[in-house]
């Protein structure tokens, strides 16, 4: 028996019409009739289908969970056209550190906009200016030109003579300074022997160099480990009493499975505070061993309103085993936590303390494409 047939039969047994069920659930009659005929085109997606099924089942007095499992199983078994995964949905692509490309010299505005020398107005006008100057310059007097050349030659000769004189003076001063320095620094020349008692000059005693203690070498600092998406061993539903009372544990792995047809989602409740039945619900990510966590990214449902805590710990025995490292309020859609300081732990817990609406009058949270980044 299909989901639609089961709902229709239960409605008949309850003695309710489609109009009465529509009034109780605030779902359009056309949507209810379509669901009873297993036609879900008017529902708008799997998330809404499950919400509608829950609402209708609650109105006619039957348990919705078996019907939802039947629907999910049929969706999984149904042939689907494979889609190429988008780059944004691949954890590796999303977490890879991108290096900004250096623009080539030909692409820079300066290189593109700088005119060549031949294209500038000044260069273009240069031939015309030269021609005009040549045509308007007066004819040079030959006698006057010879006089100017003679004067220039005499000036150059005088400068050469002055330069040579300065060089000779500088060289004499340099030799005198060197001789003075040699006399002052020689220990033999500084000693004057008495007349008739000449003593042989003794060579200075070489001093032994002091041993230098070897400084301990500082070990080279290891390069920082590359931040990347870490493998998640498993995902599990987690409740106020731990792993024994989590919501919908059978689909928890959907949250970490690439290309999963559905997200993990909690049960639906009549209020954002879980209908006063509990204080929270969560999804536990088991990394398999202790790792260093630097960021966590998840995809929630389209409706904002979720209050979420990110907790870490090394034991999954109870909620008290986890420490809150950051939180976000009123969120929906794509959510990313960047930790101010890396945390080392085996477990990462997404703990929801307030639920967002699900679009059909109830409150429910869903999680897909969970990615934990850091280094082992």
Protein backbone atom coordinates (compact mmCIF):
# COMPACT_ATOMS: atom_id res chain seq x y z
CA UNK A 1 0.00 0.00 0.00
CA UNK A 2 1.41 3.41 -1.00
CA UNK A 3 1.54 6.51 1.17
CA UNK A 4 -1.42 8.12 -0.59
CA UNK A 5 -3.55 4.98 -0.36
CA UNK A 6 -2.82 4.64 3.36
CA UNK A 7 -3.78 8.26 4.04
CA UNK A 8 -6.97 8.02 1.99
CA UNK A 9 -8.03 4.80 3.71
CA UNK A 10 -7.34 6.25 7.16
CA UNK A 11 -9.34 9.37 6.31
CA UNK A 12 -12.29 7.23 5.24
CA UNK A 13 -12.12 5.28 8.48
CA UNK A 14 -12.02 8.52 10.46
CA UNK A 15 -15.13 9.72 8.63
CA UNK A 16 -13.50 12.94 7.43
CA UNK A 17 -13.78 14.68 4.09
CA UNK A 18 -10.92 16.32 2.22
CA UNK A 19 -12.41 19.72 3.08
CA UNK A 20 -12.45 18.91 6.82
CA UNK A 21 -8.83 17.70 6.73
CA UNK A 22 -7.89 20.90 4.87
CA UNK A 23 -9.50 23.02 7.60
CA UNK A 24 -7.66 21.13 10.34
CA UNK A 25 -4.22 21.23 8.68
CA UNK A 26 -4.51 24.48 6.66
CA UNK A 27 -3.30 22.54 3.60
CA UNK A 28 -5.02 23.20 0.26
CA UNK A 29 -7.53 20.58 -0.86
CA UNK A 30 -5.74 20.15 -4.20
CA UNK A 31 -2.51 19.25 -2.38
CA UNK A 32 -4.32 16.71 -0.15
CA UNK A 33 -6.02 15.05 -3.12
CA UNK A 34 -2.69 14.93 -4.99
CA UNK A 35 -0.95 13.26 -2.03
CA UNK A 36 -3.73 10.66 -1.71
CA UNK A 37 -3.12 9.86 -5.40
CA UNK A 38 0.67 9.76 -4.82
CA UNK A 39 1.11 12.88 -6.93
CA UNK A 40 3.54 15.22 -5.17
CA UNK A 41 4.15 17.78 -7.88
CA UNK A 42 2.10 20.47 -6.10
CA UNK A 43 3.97 20.02 -2.80
CA UNK A 44 7.12 21.86 -3.78
CA UNK A 45 9.80 19.39 -2.69
CA UNK A 46 10.58 16.49 -0.38
CA UNK A 47 10.77 18.66 2.73
CA UNK A 48 7.21 19.89 2.19
CA UNK A 49 5.95 16.43 1.32
CA UNK A 50 7.11 15.08 4.66
CA UNK A 51 5.58 18.03 6.49
CA UNK A 52 2.25 17.58 4.68
CA UNK A 53 2.22 13.86 5.42
CA UNK A 54 2.88 14.51 9.12
CA UNK A 55 0.14 17.13 9.30
CA UNK A 56 -2.45 14.98 7.49
CA UNK A 57 -1.58 11.89 9.53
CA UNK A 58 -1.93 13.86 12.75
CA UNK A 59 -5.32 15.21 11.68
CA UNK A 60 -6.75 11.75 10.88
CA UNK A 61 -5.17 10.05 13.91
CA UNK A 62 -2.43 7.77 12.55
CA UNK A 63 1.34 7.56 12.99
CA UNK A 64 3.18 9.50 10.27
CA UNK A 65 6.63 7.98 10.71
CA UNK A 66 6.01 4.71 8.82
CA UNK A 67 4.51 6.68 5.94
CA UNK A 68 7.50 9.01 5.80
CA UNK A 69 9.88 6.06 5.77
CA UNK A 70 7.87 4.51 2.95
CA UNK A 71 8.02 7.80 1.01
CA UNK A 72 11.77 8.16 1.60
CA UNK A 73 12.40 4.58 0.49
CA UNK A 74 10.41 5.08 -2.70
CA UNK A 75 12.38 8.26 -3.43
CA UNK A 76 15.64 6.42 -2.93
CA UNK A 77 14.56 3.49 -5.12
CA UNK A 78 13.22 5.75 -7.86
CA UNK A 79 15.66 6.12 -10.82
CA UNK A 80 17.22 9.57 -10.85
CA UNK A 81 19.23 11.31 -13.51
CA UNK A 82 22.74 11.75 -12.14
CA UNK A 83 23.78 15.34 -11.76
CA UNK A 84 27.28 16.64 -11.88
CA UNK A 85 28.18 17.88 -8.41
CA UNK A 86 28.58 21.59 -8.16
CA UNK A 87 31.91 22.98 -7.07
CA UNK A 88 30.28 24.72 -4.09
CA UNK A 89 28.95 21.38 -2.76
CA UNK A 90 32.32 19.64 -2.77
CA UNK A 91 33.97 20.01 0.64
CA UNK A 92 37.42 19.85 -0.83
CA UNK A 93 36.69 22.58 -3.35
CA UNK A 94 34.92 24.71 -0.75
CA UNK A 95 37.77 24.44 1.71
CA UNK A 96 40.71 24.72 -0.63
CA UNK A 97 42.65 27.90 0.11
CA UNK A 98 42.48 30.04 -3.01
CA UNK A 99 45.52 32.13 -3.98
CA UNK A 100 44.59 35.34 -5.82
CA UNK A 101 45.98 35.37 -9.32
CA UNK A 102 48.63 37.96 -10.17
CA UNK A 103 47.49 39.93 -13.18
CA UNK A 104 49.82 39.80 -16.13
CA UNK A 105 51.59 42.96 -17.18
CA UNK A 106 49.50 43.10 -20.34
CA UNK A 107 46.27 43.08 -18.28
CA UNK A 108 47.16 45.93 -15.94
CA UNK A 109 45.50 49.28 -16.58
CA UNK A 110 48.89 50.98 -16.66
CA UNK A 111 50.23 48.71 -19.41
CA UNK A 112 47.01 48.88 -21.40
CA UNK A 113 46.52 52.65 -21.12
CA UNK A 114 50.16 53.90 -21.43
CA UNK A 115 50.61 55.27 -24.94
CA UNK A 116 53.75 54.40 -26.83
CA UNK A 117 56.39 57.08 -27.32
CA UNK A 118 55.56 57.25 -31.00
CA UNK A 119 51.86 57.82 -30.22
CA UNK A 120 52.25 60.78 -27.81
CA UNK A 121 51.35 64.25 -29.06
CA UNK A 122 54.85 65.50 -28.15
CA UNK A 123 56.55 62.79 -30.25
CA UNK A 124 54.19 63.37 -33.14
CA UNK A 125 54.87 67.10 -33.06
CA UNK A 126 58.67 66.69 -32.72
CA UNK A 127 59.44 66.39 -36.49
CA UNK A 128 57.37 69.45 -37.24
CA UNK A 129 59.12 71.47 -34.51
CA UNK A 130 62.56 70.33 -35.75
CA UNK A 131 61.70 71.26 -39.30
CA UNK A 132 60.41 74.66 -38.23
CA UNK A 133 63.57 75.32 -36.18
CA UNK A 134 65.81 74.28 -39.02
CA UNK A 135 63.99 76.52 -41.46
CA UNK A 136 63.99 79.57 -39.17
CA UNK A 137 67.56 79.28 -37.65
CA UNK A 138 69.95 82.03 -38.88
CA UNK A 139 73.06 81.10 -40.86
CA UNK A 140 76.16 80.74 -38.58
CA UNK A 141 79.19 83.06 -39.20
CA UNK A 142 82.29 80.83 -40.04
CA UNK A 143 84.82 83.16 -38.34
CA UNK A 144 82.79 83.41 -35.21
CA UNK A 145 82.49 79.61 -35.10
CA UNK A 146 86.27 79.11 -35.31
CA UNK A 147 86.83 81.56 -32.40
CA UNK A 148 84.32 79.70 -30.22
CA UNK A 149 85.99 76.33 -30.93
CA UNK A 150 89.44 77.75 -30.05
CA UNK A 151 88.19 79.10 -26.73
CA UNK A 152 86.59 75.75 -25.90
CA UNK A 153 89.83 73.87 -26.60
CA UNK A 154 91.84 76.20 -24.31
CA UNK A 155 89.26 75.70 -21.51
CA UNK A 156 89.47 71.93 -21.81
CA UNK A 157 93.30 72.02 -21.68
CA UNK A 158 93.25 74.23 -18.57
CA UNK A 159 90.85 71.86 -16.83
CA UNK A 160 93.15 68.90 -17.66
CA UNK A 161 96.19 70.66 -16.16
CA UNK A 162 94.32 71.55 -12.97
CA UNK A 163 93.05 67.97 -12.62
CA UNK A 164 96.56 66.52 -12.96
CA UNK A 165 97.91 68.90 -10.29
CA UNK A 166 95.16 67.97 -7.88
CA UNK A 167 95.88 64.28 -8.46
CA UNK A 168 99.58 64.67 -7.68
CA UNK A 169 98.88 66.56 -4.44
CA UNK A 170 96.35 63.95 -3.31
CA UNK A 171 98.77 61.11 -4.07
CA UNK A 172 101.55 62.77 -1.97
CA UNK A 173 99.23 63.22 0.99
CA UNK A 174 98.12 59.60 0.76
CA UNK A 175 101.72 58.26 0.80
CA UNK A 176 102.57 60.46 3.79
CA UNK A 177 99.56 59.20 5.76
CA UNK A 178 100.39 55.56 5.00
CA UNK A 179 104.01 56.00 6.19
CA UNK A 180 102.85 57.63 9.41
CA UNK A 181 100.37 54.84 10.13
CA UNK A 182 103.06 52.18 9.50
CA UNK A 183 105.47 53.82 11.95
CA UNK A 184 102.83 54.15 14.65
CA UNK A 185 101.64 50.55 14.33
CA UNK A 186 105.08 48.80 14.19
CA UNK A 187 106.24 47.66 17.70
CA UNK A 188 109.88 47.36 16.50
CA UNK A 189 110.13 50.98 15.31
CA UNK A 190 108.62 52.36 18.50
CA UNK A 191 111.57 50.97 20.62
CA UNK A 192 114.83 53.03 20.53
CA UNK A 193 117.95 51.11 21.47
CA UNK A 194 120.66 52.76 23.60
CA UNK A 195 123.96 53.64 21.82
CA UNK A 196 126.21 50.62 21.57
CA UNK A 197 123.66 48.26 23.09
CA UNK A 198 121.56 47.30 20.13
CA UNK A 199 119.13 44.53 20.87
CA UNK A 200 117.57 42.34 18.31
CA UNK A 201 113.91 43.03 17.74
CA UNK A 202 111.68 40.33 19.15
CA UNK A 203 108.58 39.22 17.40
CA UNK A 204 105.36 39.77 19.32
CA UNK A 205 104.08 36.68 21.16
CA UNK A 206 100.96 35.41 19.46
CA UNK A 207 97.94 35.28 21.73
CA UNK A 208 95.90 32.12 21.83
CA UNK A 209 92.33 32.62 20.73
CA UNK A 210 89.77 31.98 23.40
CA UNK A 211 87.63 28.93 22.75
CA UNK A 212 84.18 29.85 21.64
CA UNK A 213 81.41 27.79 23.12
CA UNK A 214 79.17 26.28 20.51
CA UNK A 215 75.65 27.63 20.75
CA UNK A 216 72.89 25.01 20.72
CA UNK A 217 71.14 24.92 17.41
CA UNK A 218 67.47 25.86 17.43
CA UNK A 219 65.44 23.21 15.68
CA UNK A 220 63.71 24.53 12.58
CA UNK A 221 60.08 25.48 13.05
CA UNK A 222 57.85 23.04 11.23
CA UNK A 223 55.57 24.53 8.65
CA UNK A 224 51.92 24.75 9.70
CA UNK A 225 49.71 21.90 8.67
CA UNK A 226 47.45 22.64 5.72
CA UNK A 227 43.82 23.31 6.59
CA UNK A 228 41.52 20.95 4.70
CA UNK A 229 38.19 19.15 4.93
CA UNK A 230 38.51 16.25 7.36
CA UNK A 231 36.82 12.87 6.87
CA UNK A 232 33.83 12.30 9.15
CA UNK A 233 33.50 8.69 10.27
CA UNK A 234 29.77 8.78 11.02
CA UNK A 235 26.85 11.01 11.97
CA UNK A 236 24.25 10.18 14.63
CA UNK A 237 21.15 11.81 16.06
CA UNK A 238 21.75 13.13 19.57
CA UNK A 239 19.15 14.02 22.20
CA UNK A 240 19.05 15.35 25.74
CA UNK A 241 19.83 11.82 26.98
CA UNK A 242 22.56 11.20 24.43
CA UNK A 243 22.38 8.77 21.54
CA UNK A 244 19.30 6.96 22.86
CA UNK A 245 16.72 9.67 22.13
CA UNK A 246 17.93 11.51 19.02
CA UNK A 247 15.47 12.56 16.31
CA UNK A 248 15.27 10.38 13.18
CA UNK A 249 18.54 8.45 13.71
CA UNK A 250 17.96 6.30 10.61
CA UNK A 251 18.67 9.24 8.26
CA UNK A 252 21.45 10.96 10.25
CA UNK A 253 24.13 9.81 7.76
CA UNK A 254 22.42 11.84 5.02
CA UNK A 255 23.97 14.95 6.59
CA UNK A 256 27.53 13.86 5.67
CA UNK A 257 26.89 11.79 2.53
CA UNK A 258 27.82 13.65 -0.69
CA UNK A 259 24.89 13.66 -3.10
CA UNK A 260 22.42 12.35 -0.51
CA UNK A 261 18.82 12.66 -1.77
CA UNK A 262 17.61 14.06 1.57
CA UNK A 263 19.01 15.99 4.54
CA UNK A 264 18.87 14.83 8.11
CA UNK A 265 15.92 16.48 9.83
CA UNK A 266 14.51 16.48 13.31
CA UNK A 267 10.97 15.57 14.26
CA UNK A 268 8.48 18.39 13.77
CA UNK A 269 7.08 20.20 16.78
CA UNK A 270 4.18 22.58 17.36
CA UNK A 271 6.37 25.36 18.82
CA UNK A 272 9.95 26.52 18.29
CA UNK A 273 10.69 25.34 21.85
CA UNK A 274 10.03 21.68 20.92
CA UNK A 275 6.44 21.83 22.16
CA UNK A 276 7.77 21.91 25.75
CA UNK A 277 8.77 18.25 25.30
CA UNK A 278 12.56 18.73 25.44
CA UNK A 279 15.20 21.43 25.64
CA UNK A 280 17.06 20.67 22.43
CA UNK A 281 18.05 18.22 19.74
CA UNK A 282 21.28 17.67 17.86
CA UNK A 283 23.42 15.95 15.27
CA UNK A 284 26.69 14.30 16.41
CA UNK A 285 29.69 14.13 14.03
CA UNK A 286 32.23 11.44 14.97
CA UNK A 287 35.67 12.16 13.44
CA UNK A 288 36.96 8.68 14.40
CA UNK A 289 39.90 10.09 16.39
CA UNK A 290 41.07 13.36 17.86
CA UNK A 291 41.59 16.06 15.27
CA UNK A 292 42.19 19.81 15.30
CA UNK A 293 39.04 21.66 14.23
CA UNK A 294 39.25 25.16 12.76
CA UNK A 295 35.84 25.58 11.09
CA UNK A 296 32.50 23.82 10.52
CA UNK A 297 30.09 24.41 7.62
CA UNK A 298 26.51 23.11 7.31
CA UNK A 299 23.47 23.69 5.12
CA UNK A 300 20.22 24.28 7.01
CA UNK A 301 16.72 24.58 5.59
CA UNK A 302 15.54 27.71 3.76
CA UNK A 303 13.71 29.20 6.75
CA UNK A 304 15.68 31.25 9.28
CA UNK A 305 15.06 31.02 12.99
CA UNK A 306 17.33 28.27 14.32
CA UNK A 307 19.38 28.83 17.48
CA UNK A 308 22.47 26.63 17.25
CA UNK A 309 25.42 25.80 19.50
CA UNK A 310 28.67 24.26 18.23
CA UNK A 311 30.09 21.92 20.88
CA UNK A 312 33.18 19.69 20.97
CA UNK A 313 34.24 16.84 23.23
CA UNK A 314 36.10 13.57 23.50
CA UNK A 315 33.21 11.54 24.92
CA UNK A 316 29.69 11.07 23.58
CA UNK A 317 28.27 9.68 26.83
CA UNK A 318 26.10 12.72 27.66
CA UNK A 319 25.39 16.30 26.66
CA UNK A 320 27.43 17.52 29.62
CA UNK A 321 30.54 15.94 28.04
CA UNK A 322 30.59 18.64 25.36
CA UNK A 323 31.87 22.20 25.68
CA UNK A 324 30.24 25.09 23.81
CA UNK A 325 32.85 26.84 21.63
CA UNK A 326 30.57 29.15 19.61
CA UNK A 327 26.90 29.71 18.72
CA UNK A 328 24.57 31.41 16.26
CA UNK A 329 20.98 32.64 16.66
CA UNK A 330 18.15 32.97 14.15
CA UNK A 331 20.08 31.33 11.31
CA UNK A 332 19.05 29.39 8.22
CA UNK A 333 20.52 28.34 4.88
CA UNK A 334 24.32 28.08 4.71
CA UNK A 335 25.99 28.48 8.11
CA UNK A 336 29.74 28.51 8.74
CA UNK A 337 31.55 28.63 12.08
CA UNK A 338 35.17 29.84 12.10
CA UNK A 339 36.78 29.16 15.47
CA UNK A 340 38.93 31.92 16.93
CA UNK A 341 41.33 29.28 18.22
CA UNK A 342 41.54 25.69 16.93
CA UNK A 343 40.04 22.99 19.16
CA UNK A 344 41.26 19.40 19.47
CA UNK A 345 38.49 16.84 19.92
CA UNK A 346 37.02 13.67 18.48
CA UNK A 347 33.34 14.67 18.46
CA UNK A 348 31.61 17.75 17.05
CA UNK A 349 28.01 18.30 18.19
CA UNK A 350 25.50 20.56 16.40
CA UNK A 351 23.05 21.33 19.21
CA UNK A 352 19.80 23.16 18.39
CA UNK A 353 18.01 24.99 21.20
CA UNK A 354 15.35 26.70 19.03
CA UNK A 355 13.70 25.37 15.87
CA UNK A 356 12.92 27.26 12.65
CA UNK A 357 9.56 26.96 10.87
CA UNK A 358 9.23 24.31 8.17
CA UNK A 359 6.74 26.18 6.01
CA UNK A 360 3.68 24.03 6.81
CA UNK A 361 2.77 25.30 10.26
CA UNK A 362 5.25 23.27 12.33
CA UNK A 363 8.82 23.75 13.50
CA UNK A 364 11.65 21.52 12.37
CA UNK A 365 15.37 21.70 11.53
CA UNK A 366 17.26 19.98 8.71
CA UNK A 367 21.02 19.60 8.14
CA UNK A 368 22.83 18.72 4.91
CA UNK A 369 26.41 18.77 3.60
CA UNK A 370 28.15 19.01 6.96
CA UNK A 371 31.89 19.72 6.56
CA UNK A 372 34.49 19.87 9.34
CA UNK A 373 37.78 21.55 8.40
CA UNK A 374 41.14 21.53 10.17
CA UNK A 375 44.10 19.15 10.24
CA UNK A 376 44.67 15.70 11.76
